[in-house]
Amino acid sequence: MRFDGLIIGIGTFLIIGLLHPVVIKAEYYWSTRSWPWFLISGLLCASAALFVNNTIASSLLSVLGFSLLWSIKELFEQKQRVEKGWFPKNPNRTEK
């Protein structure tokens, strides 16, 4: 039996599931100013996927990279959700 697809599917599920609270916390503590970190991390992971010979590792790096890039969009949408009152705003954060 080949478990590659199953492992990649589980990994993808976990990556997406873990990045959701990361985006919420990033917006809470740093607002949208953290987007460059998501960009750099996403590009590094996607680029690293090109050089990894293992199919599973390469696939998961690629999924992580593109999920980090997608998180930039989610970060700005999270800001809108906070403005609508759907999520709490950090009272200690000063906007710059």
PDB file of N, CA and C in Angstrom:
ATOM      1  N   MET A   1       0.834  -1.188   0.000  1.00  0.00           N
ATOM      2  CA  MET A   1       0.000   0.000   0.000  1.00  0.00           C
ATOM      3  C   MET A   1       0.874   1.244   0.000  1.00  0.00           C
ATOM      4  N   ARG A   2       0.318   2.292  -0.608  1.00  0.00           N
ATOM      5  CA  ARG A   2       1.011   3.588  -0.651  1.00  0.00           C
ATOM      6  C   ARG A   2       0.276   4.559   0.261  1.00  0.00           C
ATOM      7  N   PHE A   3       0.999   5.101   1.208  1.00  0.00           N
ATOM      8  CA  PHE A   3       0.406   6.019   2.167  1.00  0.00           C
ATOM      9  C   PHE A   3       0.780   7.475   1.891  1.00  0.00           C
ATOM     10  N   ASP A   4       1.500   7.724   0.798  1.00  0.00           N
ATOM     11  CA  ASP A   4       1.957   9.084   0.505  1.00  0.00           C
ATOM     12  C   ASP A   4       0.808  10.088   0.458  1.00  0.00           C
ATOM     13  N   GLY A   5      -0.234   9.767  -0.280  1.00  0.00           N
ATOM     14  CA  GLY A   5      -1.372  10.676  -0.417  1.00  0.00           C
ATOM     15  C   GLY A   5      -2.064  10.924   0.901  1.00  0.00           C
ATOM     16  N   LEU A   6      -2.208   9.876   1.693  1.00  0.00           N
ATOM     17  CA  LEU A   6      -2.849  10.000   2.997  1.00  0.00           C
ATOM     18  C   LEU A   6      -2.018  10.882   3.930  1.00  0.00           C
ATOM     19  N   ILE A   7      -0.720  10.682   3.924  1.00  0.00           N
ATOM     20  CA  ILE A   7       0.178  11.488   4.758  1.00  0.00           C
ATOM     21  C   ILE A   7       0.139  12.949   4.330  1.00  0.00           C
ATOM     22  N   ILE A   8       0.159  13.195   3.017  1.00  0.00           N
ATOM     23  CA  ILE A   8       0.094  14.576   2.511  1.00  0.00           C
ATOM     24  C   ILE A   8      -1.250  15.217   2.875  1.00  0.00           C
ATOM     25  N   GLY A   9      -2.327  14.448   2.777  1.00  0.00           N
ATOM     26  CA  GLY A   9      -3.646  14.972   3.137  1.00  0.00           C
ATOM     27  C   GLY A   9      -3.740  15.338   4.607  1.00  0.00           C
ATOM     28  N   ILE A  10      -3.241  14.460   5.470  1.00  0.00           N
ATOM     29  CA  ILE A  10      -3.251  14.737   6.909  1.00  0.00           C
ATOM     30  C   ILE A  10      -2.373  15.951   7.213  1.00  0.00           C
ATOM     31  N   GLY A  11      -1.195  16.000   6.582  1.00  0.00           N
ATOM     32  CA  GLY A  11      -0.296  17.140   6.784  1.00  0.00           C
ATOM     33  C   GLY A  11      -0.928  18.441   6.348  1.00  0.00           C
ATOM     34  N   THR A  12      -1.607  18.426   5.213  1.00  0.00           N
ATOM     35  CA  THR A  12      -2.288  19.620   4.709  1.00  0.00           C
ATOM     36  C   THR A  12      -3.368  20.074   5.685  1.00  0.00           C
ATOM     37  N   PHE A  13      -4.138  19.116   6.163  1.00  0.00           N
ATOM     38  CA  PHE A  13      -5.192  19.416   7.145  1.00  0.00           C
ATOM     39  C   PHE A  13      -4.606  20.064   8.393  1.00  0.00           C
ATOM     40  N   LEU A  14      -3.507  19.514   8.892  1.00  0.00           N
ATOM     41  CA  LEU A  14      -2.867  20.050  10.095  1.00  0.00           C
ATOM     42  C   LEU A  14      -2.272  21.443   9.854  1.00  0.00           C
ATOM     43  N   ILE A  15      -1.636  21.631   8.703  1.00  0.00           N
ATOM     44  CA  ILE A  15      -1.037  22.933   8.387  1.00  0.00           C
ATOM     45  C   ILE A  15      -2.104  24.015   8.339  1.00  0.00           C
ATOM     46  N   ILE A  16      -3.188  23.748   7.636  1.00  0.00           N
ATOM     47  CA  ILE A  16      -4.265  24.737   7.529  1.00  0.00           C
ATOM     48  C   ILE A  16      -4.885  24.979   8.894  1.00  0.00           C
ATOM     49  N   GLY A  17      -5.093  23.898   9.648  1.00  0.00           N
ATOM     50  CA  GLY A  17      -5.685  24.028  10.979  1.00  0.00           C
ATOM     51  C   GLY A  17      -4.812  24.798  11.944  1.00  0.00           C
ATOM     52  N   LEU A  18      -3.502  24.640  11.852  1.00  0.00           N
ATOM     53  CA  LEU A  18      -2.589  25.342  12.753  1.00  0.00           C
ATOM     54  C   LEU A  18      -2.387  26.803  12.357  1.00  0.00           C
ATOM     55  N   LEU A  19      -2.469  27.099  11.075  1.00  0.00           N
ATOM     56  CA  LEU A  19      -2.256  28.483  10.647  1.00  0.00           C
ATOM     57  C   LEU A  19      -3.445  29.393  10.980  1.00  0.00           C
ATOM     58  N   HIS A  20      -4.618  28.810  11.126  1.00  0.00           N
ATOM     59  CA  HIS A  20      -5.788  29.639  11.442  1.00  0.00           C
ATOM     60  C   HIS A  20      -5.598  30.399  12.760  1.00  0.00           C
ATOM     61  N   PRO A  21      -5.262  29.731  13.868  1.00  0.00           N
ATOM     62  CA  PRO A  21      -5.029  30.500  15.098  1.00  0.00           C
ATOM     63  C   PRO A  21      -3.775  31.372  15.041  1.00  0.00           C
ATOM     64  N   VAL A  22      -2.798  30.994  14.228  1.00  0.00           N
ATOM     65  CA  VAL A  22      -1.599  31.828  14.078  1.00  0.00           C
ATOM     66  C   VAL A  22      -1.977  33.180  13.479  1.00  0.00           C
ATOM     67  N   VAL A  23      -2.835  33.165  12.478  1.00  0.00           N
ATOM     68  CA  VAL A  23      -3.291  34.411  11.855  1.00  0.00           C
ATOM     69  C   VAL A  23      -4.060  35.256  12.860  1.00  0.00           C
ATOM     70  N   ILE A  24      -4.914  34.628  13.653  1.00  0.00           N
ATOM     71  CA  ILE A  24      -5.703  35.365  14.643  1.00  0.00           C
ATOM     72  C   ILE A  24      -4.777  36.021  15.669  1.00  0.00           C
ATOM     73  N   LYS A  25      -3.796  35.259  16.163  1.00  0.00           N
ATOM     74  CA  LYS A  25      -2.858  35.807  17.157  1.00  0.00           C
ATOM     75  C   LYS A  25      -1.967  36.887  16.548  1.00  0.00           C
ATOM     76  N   ALA A  26      -1.533  36.689  15.310  1.00  0.00           N
ATOM     77  CA  ALA A  26      -0.686  37.691  14.655  1.00  0.00           C
ATOM     78  C   ALA A  26      -1.435  39.011  14.503  1.00  0.00           C
ATOM     79  N   GLU A  27      -2.702  38.947  14.123  1.00  0.00           N
ATOM     80  CA  GLU A  27      -3.483  40.167  13.985  1.00  0.00           C
ATOM     81  C   GLU A  27      -3.704  40.804  15.350  1.00  0.00           C
ATOM     82  N   TYR A  28      -3.929  39.986  16.364  1.00  0.00           N
ATOM     83  CA  TYR A  28      -4.185  40.505  17.715  1.00  0.00           C
ATOM     84  C   TYR A  28      -2.974  41.264  18.244  1.00  0.00           C
ATOM     85  N   TYR A  29      -1.788  40.702  18.086  1.00  0.00           N
ATOM     86  CA  TYR A  29      -0.593  41.317  18.662  1.00  0.00           C
ATOM     87  C   TYR A  29       0.085  42.345  17.753  1.00  0.00           C
ATOM     88  N   TRP A  30       0.048  42.136  16.437  1.00  0.00           N
ATOM     89  CA  TRP A  30       0.817  43.012  15.531  1.00  0.00           C
ATOM     90  C   TRP A  30      -0.015  43.636  14.426  1.00  0.00           C
ATOM     91  N   SER A  31      -1.318  43.440  14.429  1.00  0.00           N
ATOM     92  CA  SER A  31      -2.193  43.920  13.375  1.00  0.00           C
ATOM     93  C   SER A  31      -1.729  43.356  12.030  1.00  0.00           C
ATOM     94  N   THR A  32      -1.854  44.119  10.988  1.00  0.00           N
ATOM     95  CA  THR A  32      -1.457  43.610   9.666  1.00  0.00           C
ATOM     96  C   THR A  32       0.022  43.853   9.379  1.00  0.00           C
ATOM     97  N   ARG A  33       0.749  44.410  10.349  1.00  0.00           N
ATOM     98  CA  ARG A  33       2.179  44.669  10.144  1.00  0.00           C
ATOM     99  C   ARG A  33       2.997  43.383  10.041  1.00  0.00           C
ATOM    100  N   SER A  34       2.413  42.254  10.379  1.00  0.00           N
ATOM    101  CA  SER A  34       3.147  40.992  10.328  1.00  0.00           C
ATOM    102  C   SER A  34       3.114  40.334   8.945  1.00  0.00           C
ATOM    103  N   TRP A  35       2.437  40.952   7.987  1.00  0.00           N
ATOM    104  CA  TRP A  35       2.308  40.302   6.685  1.00  0.00           C
ATOM    105  C   TRP A  35       3.646  40.026   5.995  1.00  0.00           C
ATOM    106  N   PRO A  36       4.688  40.860   6.148  1.00  0.00           N
ATOM    107  CA  PRO A  36       5.954  40.521   5.482  1.00  0.00           C
ATOM    108  C   PRO A  36       6.557  39.195   5.975  1.00  0.00           C
ATOM    109  N   TRP A  37       6.329  38.873   7.245  1.00  0.00           N
ATOM    110  CA  TRP A  37       6.842  37.606   7.771  1.00  0.00           C
ATOM    111  C   TRP A  37       6.150  36.424   7.115  1.00  0.00           C
ATOM    112  N   PHE A  38       4.848  36.548   6.883  1.00  0.00           N
ATOM    113  CA  PHE A  38       4.130  35.497   6.174  1.00  0.00           C
ATOM    114  C   PHE A  38       4.634  35.383   4.736  1.00  0.00           C
ATOM    115  N   LEU A  39       4.901  36.514   4.096  1.00  0.00           N
ATOM    116  CA  LEU A  39       5.401  36.515   2.723  1.00  0.00           C
ATOM    117  C   LEU A  39       6.769  35.847   2.631  1.00  0.00           C
ATOM    118  N   ILE A  40       7.687  36.271   3.472  1.00  0.00           N
ATOM    119  CA  ILE A  40       9.046  35.713   3.434  1.00  0.00           C
ATOM    120  C   ILE A  40       9.020  34.223   3.751  1.00  0.00           C
ATOM    121  N   SER A  41       8.291  33.855   4.798  1.00  0.00           N
ATOM    122  CA  SER A  41       8.211  32.434   5.186  1.00  0.00           C
ATOM    123  C   SER A  41       7.585  31.598   4.078  1.00  0.00           C
ATOM    124  N   GLY A  42       6.527  32.116   3.477  1.00  0.00           N
ATOM    125  CA  GLY A  42       5.856  31.384   2.406  1.00  0.00           C
ATOM    126  C   GLY A  42       6.748  31.193   1.194  1.00  0.00           C
ATOM    127  N   LEU A  43       7.450  32.235   0.808  1.00  0.00           N
ATOM    128  CA  LEU A  43       8.348  32.132  -0.348  1.00  0.00           C
ATOM    129  C   LEU A  43       9.519  31.192  -0.061  1.00  0.00           C
ATOM    130  N   LEU A  44      10.043  31.239   1.157  1.00  0.00           N
ATOM    131  CA  LEU A  44      11.141  30.334   1.519  1.00  0.00           C
ATOM    132  C   LEU A  44      10.691  28.872   1.500  1.00  0.00           C
ATOM    133  N   CYS A  45       9.524  28.598   2.053  1.00  0.00           N
ATOM    134  CA  CYS A  45       9.026  27.220   2.062  1.00  0.00           C
ATOM    135  C   CYS A  45       8.726  26.718   0.653  1.00  0.00           C
ATOM    136  N   ALA A  46       8.077  27.546  -0.153  1.00  0.00           N
ATOM    137  CA  ALA A  46       7.763  27.142  -1.522  1.00  0.00           C
ATOM    138  C   ALA A  46       9.035  26.935  -2.337  1.00  0.00           C
ATOM    139  N   SER A  47      10.027  27.783  -2.126  1.00  0.00           N
ATOM    140  CA  SER A  47      11.306  27.631  -2.822  1.00  0.00           C
ATOM    141  C   SER A  47      12.041  26.383  -2.353  1.00  0.00           C
ATOM    142  N   ALA A  48      12.013  26.129  -1.055  1.00  0.00           N
ATOM    143  CA  ALA A  48      12.689  24.944  -0.518  1.00  0.00           C
ATOM    144  C   ALA A  48      12.072  23.660  -1.067  1.00  0.00           C
ATOM    145  N   ALA A  49      10.781  23.694  -1.345  1.00  0.00           N
ATOM    146  CA  ALA A  49      10.105  22.513  -1.888  1.00  0.00           C
ATOM    147  C   ALA A  49      10.692  22.093  -3.233  1.00  0.00           C
ATOM    148  N   LEU A  50      11.277  23.034  -3.955  1.00  0.00           N
ATOM    149  CA  LEU A  50      11.872  22.722  -5.260  1.00  0.00           C
ATOM    150  C   LEU A  50      13.152  21.891  -5.127  1.00  0.00           C
ATOM    151  N   PHE A  51      13.788  21.957  -3.971  1.00  0.00           N
ATOM    152  CA  PHE A  51      15.087  21.325  -3.800  1.00  0.00           C
ATOM    153  C   PHE A  51      15.049  20.066  -2.933  1.00  0.00           C
ATOM    154  N   VAL A  52      13.884  19.698  -2.453  1.00  0.00           N
ATOM    155  CA  VAL A  52      13.755  18.507  -1.610  1.00  0.00           C
ATOM    156  C   VAL A  52      13.360  17.333  -2.497  1.00  0.00           C
ATOM    157  N   ASN A  53      14.109  16.241  -2.414  1.00  0.00           N
ATOM    158  CA  ASN A  53      13.857  15.074  -3.262  1.00  0.00           C
ATOM    159  C   ASN A  53      12.703  14.215  -2.776  1.00  0.00           C
ATOM    160  N   ASN A  54      12.439  14.212  -1.496  1.00  0.00           N
ATOM    161  CA  ASN A  54      11.369  13.397  -0.933  1.00  0.00           C
ATOM    162  C   ASN A  54      10.014  13.987  -1.319  1.00  0.00           C
ATOM    163  N   THR A  55       9.158  13.163  -1.906  1.00  0.00           N
ATOM    164  CA  THR A  55       7.859  13.634  -2.398  1.00  0.00           C
ATOM    165  C   THR A  55       6.985  14.180  -1.274  1.00  0.00           C
ATOM    166  N   ILE A  56       6.928  13.471  -0.174  1.00  0.00           N
ATOM    167  CA  ILE A  56       6.078  13.905   0.931  1.00  0.00           C
ATOM    168  C   ILE A  56       6.586  15.215   1.511  1.00  0.00           C
ATOM    169  N   ALA A  57       7.874  15.295   1.795  1.00  0.00           N
ATOM    170  CA  ALA A  57       8.445  16.513   2.372  1.00  0.00           C
ATOM    171  C   ALA A  57       8.294  17.694   1.415  1.00  0.00           C
ATOM    172  N   SER A  58       8.543  17.461   0.137  1.00  0.00           N
ATOM    173  CA  SER A  58       8.413  18.528  -0.848  1.00  0.00           C
ATOM    174  C   SER A  58       6.964  19.016  -0.933  1.00  0.00           C
ATOM    175  N   SER A  59       6.039  18.078  -0.928  1.00  0.00           N
ATOM    176  CA  SER A  59       4.617  18.441  -0.993  1.00  0.00           C
ATOM    177  C   SER A  59       4.192  19.239   0.229  1.00  0.00           C
ATOM    178  N   LEU A  60       4.613  18.778   1.403  1.00  0.00           N
ATOM    179  CA  LEU A  60       4.224  19.480   2.624  1.00  0.00           C
ATOM    180  C   LEU A  60       4.871  20.858   2.730  1.00  0.00           C
ATOM    181  N   LEU A  61       6.107  20.989   2.264  1.00  0.00           N
ATOM    182  CA  LEU A  61       6.743  22.307   2.228  1.00  0.00           C
ATOM    183  C   LEU A  61       5.988  23.241   1.294  1.00  0.00           C
ATOM    184  N   SER A  62       5.575  22.712   0.169  1.00  0.00           N
ATOM    185  CA  SER A  62       4.826  23.515  -0.786  1.00  0.00           C
ATOM    186  C   SER A  62       3.472  23.933  -0.206  1.00  0.00           C
ATOM    187  N   VAL A  63       2.784  22.995   0.419  1.00  0.00           N
ATOM    188  CA  VAL A  63       1.498  23.309   1.047  1.00  0.00           C
ATOM    189  C   VAL A  63       1.693  24.362   2.142  1.00  0.00           C
ATOM    190  N   LEU A  64       2.724  24.195   2.947  1.00  0.00           N
ATOM    191  CA  LEU A  64       3.007  25.172   3.993  1.00  0.00           C
ATOM    192  C   LEU A  64       3.307  26.543   3.394  1.00  0.00           C
ATOM    193  N   GLY A  65       4.128  26.568   2.352  1.00  0.00           N
ATOM    194  CA  GLY A  65       4.484  27.828   1.710  1.00  0.00           C
ATOM    195  C   GLY A  65       3.280  28.563   1.159  1.00  0.00           C
ATOM    196  N   PHE A  66       2.442  27.856   0.439  1.00  0.00           N
ATOM    197  CA  PHE A  66       1.284  28.518  -0.149  1.00  0.00           C
ATOM    198  C   PHE A  66       0.212  28.836   0.888  1.00  0.00           C
ATOM    199  N   SER A  67       0.150  28.045   1.958  1.00  0.00           N
ATOM    200  CA  SER A  67      -0.768  28.374   3.049  1.00  0.00           C
ATOM    201  C   SER A  67      -0.310  29.635   3.776  1.00  0.00           C
ATOM    202  N   LEU A  68       0.992  29.810   3.919  1.00  0.00           N
ATOM    203  CA  LEU A  68       1.516  31.044   4.521  1.00  0.00           C
ATOM    204  C   LEU A  68       1.214  32.243   3.630  1.00  0.00           C
ATOM    205  N   LEU A  69       1.329  32.066   2.327  1.00  0.00           N
ATOM    206  CA  LEU A  69       0.988  33.162   1.407  1.00  0.00           C
ATOM    207  C   LEU A  69      -0.507  33.483   1.484  1.00  0.00           C
ATOM    208  N   TRP A  70      -1.329  32.465   1.591  1.00  0.00           N
ATOM    209  CA  TRP A  70      -2.778  32.669   1.725  1.00  0.00           C
ATOM    210  C   TRP A  70      -3.090  33.368   3.048  1.00  0.00           C
ATOM    211  N   SER A  71      -2.269  33.137   4.056  1.00  0.00           N
ATOM    212  CA  SER A  71      -2.480  33.738   5.369  1.00  0.00           C
ATOM    213  C   SER A  71      -2.378  35.260   5.324  1.00  0.00           C
ATOM    214  N   ILE A  72      -1.676  35.793   4.341  1.00  0.00           N
ATOM    215  CA  ILE A  72      -1.611  37.250   4.194  1.00  0.00           C
ATOM    216  C   ILE A  72      -3.007  37.795   3.935  1.00  0.00           C
ATOM    217  N   LYS A  73      -3.726  37.165   3.035  1.00  0.00           N
ATOM    218  CA  LYS A  73      -5.100  37.562   2.740  1.00  0.00           C
ATOM    219  C   LYS A  73      -5.967  37.409   3.985  1.00  0.00           C
ATOM    220  N   GLU A  74      -5.802  36.294   4.678  1.00  0.00           N
ATOM    221  CA  GLU A  74      -6.582  36.041   5.881  1.00  0.00           C
ATOM    222  C   GLU A  74      -6.272  37.056   6.979  1.00  0.00           C
ATOM    223  N   LEU A  75      -5.043  37.507   7.042  1.00  0.00           N
ATOM    224  CA  LEU A  75      -4.640  38.498   8.041  1.00  0.00           C
ATOM    225  C   LEU A  75      -5.418  39.797   7.855  1.00  0.00           C
ATOM    226  N   PHE A  76      -5.549  40.237   6.611  1.00  0.00           N
ATOM    227  CA  PHE A  76      -6.291  41.468   6.335  1.00  0.00           C
ATOM    228  C   PHE A  76      -7.796  41.261   6.535  1.00  0.00           C
ATOM    229  N   GLU A  77      -8.275  40.059   6.243  1.00  0.00           N
ATOM    230  CA  GLU A  77      -9.684  39.770   6.512  1.00  0.00           C
ATOM    231  C   GLU A  77      -9.946  39.674   8.013  1.00  0.00           C
ATOM    232  N   GLN A  78      -8.974  39.176   8.758  1.00  0.00           N
ATOM    233  CA  GLN A  78      -9.107  39.117  10.211  1.00  0.00           C
ATOM    234  C   GLN A  78      -9.208  40.524  10.793  1.00  0.00           C
ATOM    235  N   LYS A  79      -8.454  41.451  10.224  1.00  0.00           N
ATOM    236  CA  LYS A  79      -8.543  42.849  10.677  1.00  0.00           C
ATOM    237  C   LYS A  79      -9.969  43.374  10.500  1.00  0.00           C
ATOM    238  N   GLN A  80     -10.591  43.031   9.382  1.00  0.00           N
ATOM    239  CA  GLN A  80     -11.970  43.455   9.141  1.00  0.00           C
ATOM    240  C   GLN A  80     -12.933  42.792  10.127  1.00  0.00           C
ATOM    241  N   ARG A  81     -12.685  41.523  10.435  1.00  0.00           N
ATOM    242  CA  ARG A  81     -13.537  40.835  11.404  1.00  0.00           C
ATOM    243  C   ARG A  81     -13.425  41.478  12.790  1.00  0.00           C
ATOM    244  N   VAL A  82     -12.213  41.915  13.143  1.00  0.00           N
ATOM    245  CA  VAL A  82     -12.021  42.606  14.420  1.00  0.00           C
ATOM    246  C   VAL A  82     -12.768  43.936  14.410  1.00  0.00           C
ATOM    247  N   GLU A  83     -12.691  44.663  13.296  1.00  0.00           N
ATOM    248  CA  GLU A  83     -13.381  45.951  13.190  1.00  0.00           C
ATOM    249  C   GLU A  83     -14.900  45.784  13.286  1.00  0.00           C
ATOM    250  N   LYS A  84     -15.416  44.644  12.824  1.00  0.00           N
ATOM    251  CA  LYS A  84     -16.853  44.367  12.921  1.00  0.00           C
ATOM    252  C   LYS A  84     -17.257  43.903  14.317  1.00  0.00           C
ATOM    253  N   GLY A  85     -16.258  43.611  15.161  1.00  0.00           N
ATOM    254  CA  GLY A  85     -16.550  43.171  16.516  1.00  0.00           C
ATOM    255  C   GLY A  85     -16.698  41.669  16.660  1.00  0.00           C
ATOM    256  N   TRP A  86     -16.367  40.926  15.625  1.00  0.00           N
ATOM    257  CA  TRP A  86     -16.490  39.467  15.680  1.00  0.00           C
ATOM    258  C   TRP A  86     -15.378  38.831  16.502  1.00  0.00           C
ATOM    259  N   PHE A  87     -14.240  39.508  16.610  1.00  0.00           N
ATOM    260  CA  PHE A  87     -13.095  39.054  17.387  1.00  0.00           C
ATOM    261  C   PHE A  87     -12.637  40.207  18.266  1.00  0.00           C
ATOM    262  N   PRO A  88     -12.018  39.898  19.412  1.00  0.00           N
ATOM    263  CA  PRO A  88     -11.585  40.983  20.303  1.00  0.00           C
ATOM    264  C   PRO A  88     -10.391  41.751  19.743  1.00  0.00           C
ATOM    265  N   LYS A  89     -10.393  43.045  20.039  1.00  0.00           N
ATOM    266  CA  LYS A  89      -9.268  43.905  19.661  1.00  0.00           C
ATOM    267  C   LYS A  89      -8.308  43.973  20.844  1.00  0.00           C
ATOM    268  N   ASN A  90      -7.031  43.987  20.565  1.00  0.00           N
ATOM    269  CA  ASN A  90      -6.031  44.071  21.613  1.00  0.00           C
ATOM    270  C   ASN A  90      -6.039  45.500  22.192  1.00  0.00           C
ATOM    271  N   PRO A  91      -6.452  45.669  23.444  1.00  0.00           N
ATOM    272  CA  PRO A  91      -6.517  47.019  24.014  1.00  0.00           C
ATOM    273  C   PRO A  91      -5.142  47.639  24.273  1.00  0.00           C
ATOM    274  N   ASN A  92      -4.112  46.810  24.346  1.00  0.00           N
ATOM    275  CA  ASN A  92      -2.754  47.313  24.633  1.00  0.00           C
ATOM    276  C   ASN A  92      -1.969  47.683  23.385  1.00  0.00           C
ATOM    277  N   ARG A  93      -2.485  47.350  22.218  1.00  0.00           N
ATOM    278  CA  ARG A  93      -1.760  47.614  20.978  1.00  0.00           C
ATOM    279  C   ARG A  93      -2.055  49.029  20.499  1.00  0.00           C
ATOM    280  N   THR A  94      -1.005  49.726  20.134  1.00  0.00           N
ATOM    281  CA  THR A  94      -1.175  51.059  19.551  1.00  0.00           C
ATOM    282  C   THR A  94      -0.977  50.954  18.045  1.00  0.00           C
ATOM    283  N   GLU A  95      -1.863  51.545  17.300  1.00  0.00           N
ATOM    284  CA  GLU A  95      -1.773  51.510  15.829  1.00  0.00           C
ATOM    285  C   GLU A  95      -0.741  52.503  15.359  1.00  0.00           C
ATOM    286  N   LYS A  96       0.059  52.076  14.404  1.00  0.00           N
ATOM    287  CA  LYS A  96       1.064  52.952  13.827  1.00  0.00           C
ATOM    288  C   LYS A  96       0.772  53.184  12.373  1.00  0.00           C
TER     289      LYS A  96
END
